[in-house]
Amino acid sequence: MQFQILAVALGLTSVAMSAPASSPAQGIEIRSAGASIVQEAASTEKRDVEKRDVGHLFVCTDAYFKGACENLQFTNGVCSKNSLDCDPCITIELAEIEIDNLFGIFQDSISSAGPDQGFICTVWADHDCKGKSVTFPHPGIEDFNTVSPNINDQISSYRCRTGLLLKQKFQERDVNSGYFSELVKLYQAPAESLSAQIILLTLS
């Protein structure tokens, strides 16, 4: 069977395609055989997000951001991972260890969570940012029972970073039958991609 593929993607571009930070925020268009790529420069606001060292993950023990809630502070790109089985933990040099601030009522009891705008967070069922996981951007997930894998009341560690959660759609058409099938893929773009905001790619 023959297939015709149409792709619409929000994604990354090479460094060569990125507009310098000091240049005006104007679009760049590159054309080549069989493809048309349009890049839109990122705003100053998006570049400022990339520079942030800390952020906050708002977590709640009940769905729809209800129950016991707290705004947990995190370090950009660092896994909050180490479970401390002591109360109080006054003998540990805090500067030398990344504390798991999901201890207490938030350990294995989170049902909704959302990061600050401009951040993407991944939560894991195990410590050390391992095990099954779910990744989400701002404004977050209001009920972990509704996502796959179901990680409700199982979150033991998390990591948040600046970046974009991008969606890529493919439409595949069977030329003989005319039927379309669609594949949607979610993937995380690192903070460097903020210099390249939008790409539109059409394959002929």
N, C-alpha and C. Protein backbone atom coordinates (compact mmCIF):
# COMPACT_ATOMS: atom_id res chain seq x y z
N MET A 1 0.84 -1.19 0.00
CA MET A 1 0.00 0.00 0.00
C MET A 1 0.87 1.24 0.00
N GLN A 2 0.38 2.28 -0.62
CA GLN A 2 1.07 3.55 -0.63
C GLN A 2 0.48 4.46 0.44
N PHE A 3 1.33 5.23 1.06
CA PHE A 3 0.87 6.11 2.13
C PHE A 3 1.33 7.53 1.86
N GLN A 4 0.48 8.46 2.17
CA GLN A 4 0.83 9.87 2.12
C GLN A 4 0.88 10.37 3.55
N ILE A 5 1.99 10.98 3.93
CA ILE A 5 2.18 11.42 5.31
C ILE A 5 2.19 12.93 5.37
N LEU A 6 1.35 13.47 6.23
CA LEU A 6 1.33 14.89 6.52
C LEU A 6 1.73 15.05 7.96
N ALA A 7 2.71 15.88 8.24
CA ALA A 7 3.17 16.06 9.62
C ALA A 7 3.06 17.51 10.02
N VAL A 8 2.51 17.75 11.18
CA VAL A 8 2.50 19.08 11.78
C VAL A 8 3.20 18.93 13.11
N ALA A 9 4.29 19.65 13.32
CA ALA A 9 5.11 19.43 14.51
C ALA A 9 5.46 20.73 15.17
N LEU A 10 5.41 20.72 16.50
CA LEU A 10 6.04 21.75 17.30
C LEU A 10 7.30 21.12 17.81
N GLY A 11 8.46 21.67 17.49
CA GLY A 11 9.66 20.95 17.85
C GLY A 11 10.91 21.76 17.88
N LEU A 12 12.04 21.04 17.80
CA LEU A 12 13.35 21.63 17.93
C LEU A 12 13.91 21.98 16.56
N THR A 13 14.84 22.89 16.54
CA THR A 13 15.61 23.18 15.35
C THR A 13 17.07 23.16 15.72
N SER A 14 17.93 23.07 14.73
CA SER A 14 19.35 23.08 14.99
C SER A 14 19.80 24.45 15.41
N VAL A 15 21.00 24.51 15.99
CA VAL A 15 21.53 25.78 16.44
C VAL A 15 21.68 26.73 15.27
N ALA A 16 21.98 26.18 14.12
CA ALA A 16 22.18 27.03 12.95
C ALA A 16 20.92 27.76 12.57
N MET A 17 19.75 27.19 12.88
CA MET A 17 18.49 27.82 12.52
C MET A 17 18.02 28.81 13.55
N SER A 18 18.59 28.78 14.76
CA SER A 18 18.10 29.62 15.84
C SER A 18 18.52 31.06 15.64
N ALA A 19 17.60 31.98 15.90
CA ALA A 19 17.92 33.39 15.80
C ALA A 19 18.71 33.81 17.02
N PRO A 20 19.80 34.60 16.88
CA PRO A 20 20.55 35.07 18.04
C PRO A 20 19.65 35.84 18.99
N ALA A 21 19.99 35.76 20.28
CA ALA A 21 19.15 36.41 21.30
C ALA A 21 19.07 37.91 21.09
N SER A 22 20.12 38.50 20.48
CA SER A 22 20.14 39.94 20.31
C SER A 22 19.44 40.39 19.04
N SER A 23 19.07 39.43 18.18
CA SER A 23 18.44 39.81 16.92
C SER A 23 16.97 40.07 17.12
N PRO A 24 16.32 40.82 16.22
CA PRO A 24 14.89 41.06 16.34
C PRO A 24 14.12 39.75 16.28
N ALA A 25 13.00 39.68 16.98
CA ALA A 25 12.19 38.46 17.00
C ALA A 25 11.36 38.38 15.74
N GLN A 26 11.99 37.95 14.66
CA GLN A 26 11.28 37.84 13.40
C GLN A 26 11.39 36.41 12.89
N GLY A 27 10.42 35.98 12.09
CA GLY A 27 10.37 34.62 11.62
C GLY A 27 11.45 34.32 10.60
N ILE A 28 11.83 33.04 10.52
CA ILE A 28 12.81 32.58 9.55
C ILE A 28 12.15 31.49 8.74
N GLU A 29 12.25 31.56 7.43
CA GLU A 29 11.64 30.55 6.58
C GLU A 29 12.71 29.90 5.74
N ILE A 30 12.74 28.57 5.75
CA ILE A 30 13.71 27.82 4.98
C ILE A 30 12.95 26.84 4.11
N ARG A 31 13.28 26.80 2.83
CA ARG A 31 12.60 25.89 1.92
C ARG A 31 13.62 24.95 1.29
N SER A 32 13.24 23.69 1.16
CA SER A 32 14.08 22.72 0.48
C SER A 32 13.17 21.79 -0.29
N ALA A 33 13.77 20.91 -1.09
CA ALA A 33 12.98 20.03 -1.93
C ALA A 33 12.07 19.15 -1.08
N GLY A 34 10.79 19.23 -1.33
CA GLY A 34 9.83 18.37 -0.64
C GLY A 34 9.46 18.80 0.76
N ALA A 35 9.98 19.92 1.23
CA ALA A 35 9.66 20.32 2.60
C ALA A 35 9.64 21.83 2.71
N SER A 36 8.82 22.32 3.59
CA SER A 36 8.76 23.75 3.90
C SER A 36 8.80 23.89 5.41
N ILE A 37 9.82 24.56 5.92
CA ILE A 37 10.00 24.72 7.37
C ILE A 37 9.90 26.19 7.71
N VAL A 38 9.05 26.54 8.64
CA VAL A 38 8.90 27.91 9.08
C VAL A 38 9.23 27.97 10.56
N GLN A 39 10.17 28.80 10.93
CA GLN A 39 10.57 28.95 12.33
C GLN A 39 10.15 30.31 12.83
N GLU A 40 9.61 30.34 14.04
CA GLU A 40 9.19 31.59 14.66
C GLU A 40 10.06 31.83 15.89
N ALA A 41 10.70 32.98 15.97
CA ALA A 41 11.60 33.26 17.08
C ALA A 41 10.85 33.34 18.39
N ALA A 42 11.52 32.94 19.47
CA ALA A 42 10.90 32.96 20.80
C ALA A 42 10.86 34.37 21.35
N SER A 43 9.92 34.61 22.23
CA SER A 43 9.80 35.92 22.85
C SER A 43 10.82 36.07 23.97
N THR A 44 11.04 37.33 24.38
CA THR A 44 11.96 37.59 25.49
C THR A 44 11.46 36.92 26.76
N GLU A 45 10.15 36.87 26.94
CA GLU A 45 9.57 36.24 28.13
C GLU A 45 9.95 34.78 28.22
N LYS A 46 9.94 34.07 27.08
CA LYS A 46 10.30 32.67 27.09
C LYS A 46 11.77 32.48 27.40
N ARG A 47 12.62 33.39 26.91
CA ARG A 47 14.05 33.28 27.23
C ARG A 47 14.29 33.51 28.71
N ASP A 48 13.50 34.40 29.32
CA ASP A 48 13.65 34.67 30.75
C ASP A 48 13.30 33.43 31.58
N VAL A 49 12.32 32.65 31.13
CA VAL A 49 11.93 31.43 31.84
C VAL A 49 13.10 30.47 31.91
N GLU A 50 13.87 30.41 30.80
CA GLU A 50 14.98 29.48 30.72
C GLU A 50 16.02 29.74 31.80
N LYS A 51 16.14 30.98 32.27
CA LYS A 51 17.17 31.37 33.22
C LYS A 51 16.79 31.07 34.66
N ARG A 52 15.56 30.65 34.91
CA ARG A 52 15.10 30.45 36.28
C ARG A 52 15.76 29.21 36.90
N ASP A 53 16.30 29.37 38.10
CA ASP A 53 16.98 28.28 38.79
C ASP A 53 16.04 27.47 39.67
N VAL A 54 14.98 28.08 40.15
CA VAL A 54 14.05 27.39 41.03
C VAL A 54 12.62 27.63 40.56
N GLY A 55 11.75 26.74 40.96
CA GLY A 55 10.33 26.89 40.65
C GLY A 55 9.52 26.19 41.73
N HIS A 56 8.24 26.03 41.48
CA HIS A 56 7.35 25.44 42.48
C HIS A 56 6.41 24.43 41.83
N LEU A 57 6.19 23.34 42.53
CA LEU A 57 5.21 22.34 42.13
C LEU A 57 4.11 22.34 43.19
N PHE A 58 2.90 22.72 42.77
CA PHE A 58 1.76 22.77 43.68
C PHE A 58 1.13 21.39 43.72
N VAL A 59 1.11 20.76 44.89
CA VAL A 59 0.60 19.40 45.02
C VAL A 59 -0.55 19.38 46.03
N CYS A 60 -1.50 18.46 45.79
CA CYS A 60 -2.64 18.30 46.69
C CYS A 60 -2.93 16.81 46.87
N THR A 61 -3.46 16.47 48.03
CA THR A 61 -3.76 15.07 48.33
C THR A 61 -5.06 14.60 47.69
N ASP A 62 -5.89 15.52 47.24
CA ASP A 62 -7.15 15.15 46.58
C ASP A 62 -7.16 15.67 45.15
N ALA A 63 -8.03 15.10 44.34
CA ALA A 63 -8.18 15.54 42.95
C ALA A 63 -8.72 16.96 42.90
N TYR A 64 -8.52 17.59 41.76
CA TYR A 64 -9.00 18.94 41.49
C TYR A 64 -8.43 19.97 42.47
N PHE A 65 -7.17 19.70 42.89
CA PHE A 65 -6.41 20.62 43.75
C PHE A 65 -7.16 20.93 45.05
N LYS A 66 -7.65 19.86 45.68
CA LYS A 66 -8.32 19.98 46.97
C LYS A 66 -7.62 19.10 47.99
N GLY A 67 -8.08 19.16 49.23
CA GLY A 67 -7.44 18.43 50.30
C GLY A 67 -6.27 19.22 50.86
N ALA A 68 -5.29 18.52 51.42
CA ALA A 68 -4.08 19.18 51.91
C ALA A 68 -3.20 19.54 50.72
N CYS A 69 -2.78 20.79 50.63
CA CYS A 69 -1.99 21.26 49.49
C CYS A 69 -0.75 22.01 49.97
N GLU A 70 0.27 22.01 49.11
CA GLU A 70 1.48 22.75 49.43
C GLU A 70 2.21 23.10 48.13
N ASN A 71 2.88 24.25 48.14
CA ASN A 71 3.67 24.70 47.00
C ASN A 71 5.12 24.28 47.26
N LEU A 72 5.57 23.17 46.67
CA LEU A 72 6.91 22.65 46.91
C LEU A 72 7.92 23.36 46.02
N GLN A 73 8.99 23.84 46.61
CA GLN A 73 10.05 24.49 45.82
C GLN A 73 11.03 23.44 45.31
N PHE A 74 11.45 23.57 44.05
CA PHE A 74 12.41 22.64 43.48
C PHE A 74 13.54 23.40 42.79
N THR A 75 14.64 22.71 42.58
CA THR A 75 15.75 23.24 41.79
C THR A 75 15.60 22.76 40.36
N ASN A 76 15.73 23.66 39.42
CA ASN A 76 15.53 23.36 38.01
C ASN A 76 16.40 22.18 37.57
N GLY A 77 15.74 21.11 37.10
CA GLY A 77 16.46 19.97 36.54
C GLY A 77 17.00 18.98 37.54
N VAL A 78 16.74 19.16 38.84
CA VAL A 78 17.29 18.28 39.87
C VAL A 78 16.20 17.35 40.38
N CYS A 79 16.54 16.07 40.50
CA CYS A 79 15.58 15.09 41.01
C CYS A 79 15.45 15.23 42.51
N SER A 80 14.22 15.42 42.96
CA SER A 80 13.94 15.41 44.39
C SER A 80 13.70 13.96 44.76
N LYS A 81 14.66 13.34 45.44
CA LYS A 81 14.70 11.88 45.43
C LYS A 81 14.93 11.16 46.74
N ASN A 82 15.62 11.75 47.70
CA ASN A 82 16.09 10.99 48.85
C ASN A 82 15.09 11.00 49.99
N SER A 83 14.63 9.83 50.37
CA SER A 83 13.70 9.71 51.48
C SER A 83 14.48 9.76 52.79
N LEU A 84 14.07 10.63 53.69
CA LEU A 84 14.74 10.78 54.98
C LEU A 84 13.85 10.23 56.08
N ASP A 85 14.22 9.10 56.62
CA ASP A 85 13.42 8.46 57.65
C ASP A 85 13.87 8.92 59.03
N CYS A 86 13.70 10.19 59.31
CA CYS A 86 14.06 10.73 60.61
C CYS A 86 13.18 11.94 60.89
N ASP A 87 12.92 12.21 62.14
CA ASP A 87 12.06 13.32 62.51
C ASP A 87 12.48 13.84 63.88
N PRO A 88 13.08 15.01 63.99
CA PRO A 88 13.45 15.87 62.86
C PRO A 88 14.79 15.48 62.26
N CYS A 89 15.06 15.92 61.05
CA CYS A 89 16.33 15.61 60.38
C CYS A 89 17.29 16.77 60.60
N ILE A 90 17.91 16.80 61.76
CA ILE A 90 18.75 17.94 62.10
C ILE A 90 20.24 17.62 62.02
N THR A 91 20.58 16.35 61.73
CA THR A 91 21.98 15.96 61.72
C THR A 91 22.56 15.87 60.32
N ILE A 92 21.77 16.20 59.31
CA ILE A 92 22.22 16.05 57.93
C ILE A 92 22.57 17.41 57.35
N GLU A 93 23.72 17.47 56.68
CA GLU A 93 24.11 18.70 56.00
C GLU A 93 23.21 18.86 54.78
N LEU A 94 22.27 19.79 54.86
CA LEU A 94 21.28 19.93 53.80
C LEU A 94 21.92 20.36 52.50
N ALA A 95 23.06 21.05 52.55
CA ALA A 95 23.71 21.51 51.33
C ALA A 95 24.30 20.36 50.54
N GLU A 96 24.45 19.18 51.15
CA GLU A 96 25.11 18.06 50.50
C GLU A 96 24.14 16.99 50.03
N ILE A 97 22.86 17.17 50.27
CA ILE A 97 21.90 16.14 49.90
C ILE A 97 20.62 16.80 49.39
N GLU A 98 20.09 16.23 48.35
CA GLU A 98 18.83 16.73 47.80
C GLU A 98 17.69 16.03 48.52
N ILE A 99 16.94 16.76 49.31
CA ILE A 99 15.89 16.16 50.14
C ILE A 99 14.65 15.87 49.32
N ASP A 100 14.03 14.75 49.60
CA ASP A 100 12.73 14.44 49.02
C ASP A 100 11.68 15.17 49.85
N ASN A 101 11.15 16.28 49.32
CA ASN A 101 10.18 17.03 50.10
C ASN A 101 8.76 16.51 49.90
N LEU A 102 8.65 15.26 49.47
CA LEU A 102 7.35 14.59 49.42
C LEU A 102 7.15 13.73 50.65
N PHE A 103 7.95 13.96 51.70
CA PHE A 103 7.78 13.19 52.92
C PHE A 103 6.49 13.61 53.62
N GLY A 104 6.15 12.88 54.66
CA GLY A 104 4.95 13.23 55.43
C GLY A 104 3.68 12.93 54.66
N ILE A 105 2.74 13.85 54.71
CA ILE A 105 1.42 13.59 54.13
C ILE A 105 1.44 13.53 52.61
N PHE A 106 2.51 14.00 51.98
CA PHE A 106 2.53 14.01 50.51
C PHE A 106 3.22 12.78 49.92
N GLN A 107 3.85 11.97 50.74
CA GLN A 107 4.48 10.75 50.24
C GLN A 107 3.41 9.74 49.86
N ASP A 108 3.39 9.36 48.59
CA ASP A 108 2.42 8.39 48.07
C ASP A 108 0.98 8.79 48.36
N SER A 109 0.68 10.08 48.26
CA SER A 109 -0.69 10.52 48.53
C SER A 109 -1.14 11.67 47.63
N ILE A 110 -0.39 11.97 46.58
CA ILE A 110 -0.73 13.10 45.70
C ILE A 110 -1.73 12.67 44.64
N SER A 111 -2.78 13.45 44.49
CA SER A 111 -3.81 13.17 43.47
C SER A 111 -3.90 14.24 42.41
N SER A 112 -3.30 15.41 42.65
CA SER A 112 -3.27 16.48 41.64
C SER A 112 -2.02 17.32 41.86
N ALA A 113 -1.48 17.85 40.77
CA ALA A 113 -0.24 18.63 40.87
C ALA A 113 -0.07 19.49 39.64
N GLY A 114 0.61 20.62 39.81
CA GLY A 114 0.88 21.51 38.69
C GLY A 114 2.07 22.41 38.97
N PRO A 115 2.98 22.58 37.99
CA PRO A 115 4.15 23.43 38.18
C PRO A 115 3.89 24.88 37.80
N ASP A 116 4.85 25.74 38.14
CA ASP A 116 4.80 27.12 37.68
C ASP A 116 4.78 27.15 36.16
N GLN A 117 4.28 28.24 35.60
CA GLN A 117 4.27 28.40 34.15
C GLN A 117 5.69 28.40 33.62
N GLY A 118 5.91 27.69 32.51
CA GLY A 118 7.23 27.61 31.90
C GLY A 118 8.02 26.38 32.30
N PHE A 119 7.46 25.57 33.22
CA PHE A 119 8.15 24.36 33.67
C PHE A 119 7.38 23.12 33.24
N ILE A 120 8.13 22.03 33.06
CA ILE A 120 7.57 20.70 32.85
C ILE A 120 8.03 19.83 34.00
N CYS A 121 7.14 19.05 34.56
CA CYS A 121 7.50 18.16 35.66
C CYS A 121 7.23 16.71 35.28
N THR A 122 8.10 15.83 35.76
CA THR A 122 7.88 14.39 35.67
C THR A 122 7.82 13.85 37.09
N VAL A 123 6.81 13.06 37.38
CA VAL A 123 6.67 12.43 38.70
C VAL A 123 6.85 10.92 38.53
N TRP A 124 7.49 10.30 39.52
CA TRP A 124 7.77 8.87 39.49
C TRP A 124 7.14 8.16 40.68
N ALA A 125 6.85 6.88 40.50
CA ALA A 125 6.30 6.08 41.58
C ALA A 125 7.37 5.65 42.58
N ASP A 126 8.64 5.66 42.18
CA ASP A 126 9.74 5.24 43.05
C ASP A 126 10.65 6.41 43.38
N HIS A 127 11.48 6.22 44.41
CA HIS A 127 12.50 7.21 44.74
C HIS A 127 13.56 7.23 43.64
N ASP A 128 14.43 8.23 43.67
CA ASP A 128 15.53 8.39 42.71
C ASP A 128 15.02 8.61 41.29
N CYS A 129 13.80 9.10 41.16
CA CYS A 129 13.23 9.38 39.83
C CYS A 129 13.27 8.14 38.95
N LYS A 130 12.75 7.05 39.48
CA LYS A 130 12.71 5.78 38.75
C LYS A 130 11.30 5.20 38.84
N GLY A 131 11.07 4.17 38.02
CA GLY A 131 9.77 3.52 38.01
C GLY A 131 8.84 4.15 37.00
N LYS A 132 7.57 3.82 37.06
CA LYS A 132 6.62 4.39 36.12
C LYS A 132 6.47 5.88 36.38
N SER A 133 6.20 6.62 35.33
CA SER A 133 6.22 8.09 35.44
C SER A 133 5.17 8.73 34.56
N VAL A 134 4.88 9.98 34.87
CA VAL A 134 3.98 10.82 34.08
C VAL A 134 4.62 12.19 33.96
N THR A 135 4.61 12.76 32.76
CA THR A 135 5.19 14.08 32.51
C THR A 135 4.09 15.05 32.12
N PHE A 136 4.14 16.26 32.66
CA PHE A 136 3.08 17.23 32.39
C PHE A 136 3.62 18.65 32.52
N PRO A 137 3.06 19.58 31.75
CA PRO A 137 3.44 21.00 31.83
C PRO A 137 2.46 21.75 32.73
N HIS A 138 2.67 23.05 32.89
CA HIS A 138 1.69 23.94 33.51
C HIS A 138 0.42 23.93 32.65
N PRO A 139 -0.78 23.89 33.17
CA PRO A 139 -1.14 24.10 34.57
C PRO A 139 -1.15 22.83 35.42
N GLY A 140 -0.86 21.66 34.84
CA GLY A 140 -0.75 20.45 35.62
C GLY A 140 -1.87 19.45 35.36
N ILE A 141 -1.96 18.47 36.24
CA ILE A 141 -2.96 17.40 36.14
C ILE A 141 -3.88 17.49 37.36
N GLU A 142 -5.16 17.62 37.11
CA GLU A 142 -6.11 17.81 38.22
C GLU A 142 -6.57 16.50 38.84
N ASP A 143 -6.32 15.38 38.16
CA ASP A 143 -6.71 14.09 38.72
C ASP A 143 -5.82 13.01 38.11
N PHE A 144 -4.87 12.49 38.89
CA PHE A 144 -3.95 11.48 38.37
C PHE A 144 -4.65 10.16 38.08
N ASN A 145 -5.87 9.98 38.53
CA ASN A 145 -6.63 8.79 38.18
C ASN A 145 -7.02 8.75 36.72
N THR A 146 -6.96 9.90 36.06
CA THR A 146 -7.43 9.99 34.68
C THR A 146 -6.31 9.87 33.66
N VAL A 147 -5.05 9.69 34.10
CA VAL A 147 -3.93 9.61 33.17
C VAL A 147 -3.36 8.20 33.18
N SER A 148 -2.61 7.88 32.13
CA SER A 148 -1.97 6.58 32.02
C SER A 148 -0.45 6.76 31.94
N PRO A 149 0.34 6.05 32.74
CA PRO A 149 -0.13 5.09 33.75
C PRO A 149 -0.75 5.78 34.95
N ASN A 150 -1.67 5.09 35.60
CA ASN A 150 -2.32 5.64 36.79
C ASN A 150 -1.29 5.68 37.92
N ILE A 151 -0.94 6.88 38.34
CA ILE A 151 0.08 7.06 39.37
C ILE A 151 -0.50 7.76 40.59
N ASN A 152 -1.82 7.75 40.69
CA ASN A 152 -2.49 8.40 41.81
C ASN A 152 -2.08 7.77 43.14
N ASP A 153 -1.75 8.62 44.12
CA ASP A 153 -1.34 8.18 45.45
C ASP A 153 -0.13 7.25 45.42
N GLN A 154 0.76 7.45 44.43
CA GLN A 154 1.96 6.62 44.33
C GLN A 154 3.23 7.44 44.14
N ILE A 155 3.12 8.74 44.04
CA ILE A 155 4.27 9.58 43.68
C ILE A 155 5.28 9.64 44.83
N SER A 156 6.54 9.27 44.52
CA SER A 156 7.60 9.26 45.52
C SER A 156 8.77 10.17 45.18
N SER A 157 8.85 10.64 43.95
CA SER A 157 9.93 11.55 43.56
C SER A 157 9.49 12.32 42.32
N TYR A 158 10.19 13.42 42.05
CA TYR A 158 9.83 14.22 40.88
C TYR A 158 11.02 15.06 40.44
N ARG A 159 10.96 15.50 39.19
CA ARG A 159 11.96 16.43 38.67
C ARG A 159 11.25 17.40 37.73
N CYS A 160 11.55 18.68 37.87
CA CYS A 160 10.95 19.71 37.03
C CYS A 160 12.05 20.51 36.35
N ARG A 161 11.78 20.98 35.16
CA ARG A 161 12.76 21.77 34.42
C ARG A 161 12.04 22.70 33.46
N THR A 162 12.75 23.75 33.06
CA THR A 162 12.18 24.62 32.05
C THR A 162 12.14 23.88 30.73
N GLY A 163 11.15 24.18 29.93
CA GLY A 163 11.04 23.51 28.65
C GLY A 163 9.62 23.53 28.13
N LEU A 164 9.39 22.77 27.10
CA LEU A 164 8.09 22.70 26.46
C LEU A 164 7.71 21.24 26.29
N LEU A 165 6.45 20.92 26.51
CA LEU A 165 5.93 19.61 26.19
C LEU A 165 5.26 19.72 24.84
N LEU A 166 5.79 19.02 23.87
CA LEU A 166 5.38 19.21 22.49
C LEU A 166 4.56 18.03 22.00
N LYS A 167 3.66 18.32 21.09
CA LYS A 167 2.80 17.30 20.51
C LYS A 167 3.07 17.22 19.01
N GLN A 168 3.28 16.01 18.53
CA GLN A 168 3.52 15.80 17.11
C GLN A 168 2.42 14.89 16.56
N LYS A 169 1.77 15.34 15.52
CA LYS A 169 0.68 14.58 14.93
C LYS A 169 1.06 14.11 13.52
N PHE A 170 0.76 12.86 13.24
CA PHE A 170 0.95 12.31 11.90
C PHE A 170 -0.39 11.81 11.39
N GLN A 171 -0.72 12.18 10.17
CA GLN A 171 -1.91 11.64 9.52
C GLN A 171 -1.45 10.78 8.36
N GLU A 172 -1.86 9.52 8.39
CA GLU A 172 -1.45 8.57 7.37
C GLU A 172 -2.68 8.13 6.59
N ARG A 173 -2.61 8.27 5.28
CA ARG A 173 -3.79 7.94 4.46
C ARG A 173 -3.48 6.79 3.52
N ASP A 174 -4.36 5.83 3.51
CA ASP A 174 -4.28 4.74 2.56
C ASP A 174 -4.83 5.25 1.24
N VAL A 175 -3.98 5.34 0.24
CA VAL A 175 -4.38 5.92 -1.05
C VAL A 175 -5.50 5.10 -1.68
N ASN A 176 -5.51 3.80 -1.46
CA ASN A 176 -6.52 2.94 -2.08
C ASN A 176 -7.89 3.09 -1.43
N SER A 177 -7.92 3.11 -0.09
CA SER A 177 -9.21 3.17 0.60
C SER A 177 -9.64 4.58 0.95
N GLY A 178 -8.66 5.50 1.06
CA GLY A 178 -8.96 6.87 1.43
C GLY A 178 -9.10 7.08 2.92
N TYR A 179 -8.93 6.02 3.72
CA TYR A 179 -9.06 6.14 5.17
C TYR A 179 -7.81 6.76 5.78
N PHE A 180 -8.02 7.58 6.82
CA PHE A 180 -6.93 8.21 7.54
C PHE A 180 -6.75 7.54 8.90
N SER A 181 -5.52 7.44 9.33
CA SER A 181 -5.22 7.06 10.71
C SER A 181 -4.27 8.10 11.27
N GLU A 182 -4.40 8.38 12.55
CA GLU A 182 -3.63 9.46 13.17
C GLU A 182 -2.81 8.94 14.34
N LEU A 183 -1.55 9.34 14.37
CA LEU A 183 -0.66 9.01 15.48
C LEU A 183 -0.26 10.30 16.17
N VAL A 184 -0.43 10.35 17.48
CA VAL A 184 -0.06 11.53 18.26
C VAL A 184 1.04 11.13 19.23
N LYS A 185 2.14 11.86 19.19
CA LYS A 185 3.28 11.57 20.06
C LYS A 185 3.60 12.80 20.90
N LEU A 186 3.72 12.61 22.21
CA LEU A 186 4.14 13.68 23.12
C LEU A 186 5.60 13.47 23.47
N TYR A 187 6.37 14.53 23.44
CA TYR A 187 7.77 14.43 23.84
C TYR A 187 8.21 15.73 24.48
N GLN A 188 9.25 15.64 25.30
CA GLN A 188 9.73 16.79 26.05
C GLN A 188 10.89 17.44 25.33
N ALA A 189 10.80 18.76 25.19
CA ALA A 189 11.88 19.54 24.58
C ALA A 189 12.66 20.22 25.69
N PRO A 190 13.99 20.19 25.61
CA PRO A 190 14.79 20.85 26.65
C PRO A 190 14.69 22.35 26.59
N ALA A 191 15.24 23.00 27.58
CA ALA A 191 15.14 24.46 27.68
C ALA A 191 15.75 25.15 26.48
N GLU A 192 16.79 24.51 25.87
CA GLU A 192 17.43 25.16 24.74
C GLU A 192 16.46 25.40 23.58
N SER A 193 15.39 24.60 23.51
CA SER A 193 14.44 24.72 22.40
C SER A 193 13.62 25.98 22.49
N LEU A 194 13.69 26.69 23.61
CA LEU A 194 12.92 27.92 23.74
C LEU A 194 13.39 28.97 22.75
N SER A 195 14.60 28.80 22.17
CA SER A 195 15.08 29.72 21.15
C SER A 195 14.44 29.42 19.80
N ALA A 196 13.76 28.29 19.71
CA ALA A 196 13.07 27.93 18.47
C ALA A 196 11.66 27.52 18.84
N GLN A 197 10.73 28.40 18.66
CA GLN A 197 9.40 28.21 19.24
C GLN A 197 8.50 27.31 18.40
N ILE A 198 8.44 27.56 17.12
CA ILE A 198 7.47 26.83 16.30
C ILE A 198 8.11 26.39 14.99
N ILE A 199 7.87 25.15 14.62
CA ILE A 199 8.27 24.67 13.30
C ILE A 199 7.04 24.03 12.66
N LEU A 200 6.79 24.37 11.44
CA LEU A 200 5.72 23.73 10.69
C LEU A 200 6.37 22.98 9.54
N LEU A 201 6.18 21.68 9.48
CA LEU A 201 6.84 20.86 8.48
C LEU A 201 5.78 20.13 7.66
N THR A 202 5.84 20.28 6.36
CA THR A 202 4.93 19.58 5.47
C THR A 202 5.74 18.74 4.50
N LEU A 203 5.48 17.45 4.49
CA LEU A 203 6.18 16.55 3.58
C LEU A 203 5.28 16.31 2.37
N SER A 204 5.86 16.46 1.19
CA SER A 204 5.07 16.22 -0.02
C SER A 204 5.19 14.76 -0.43
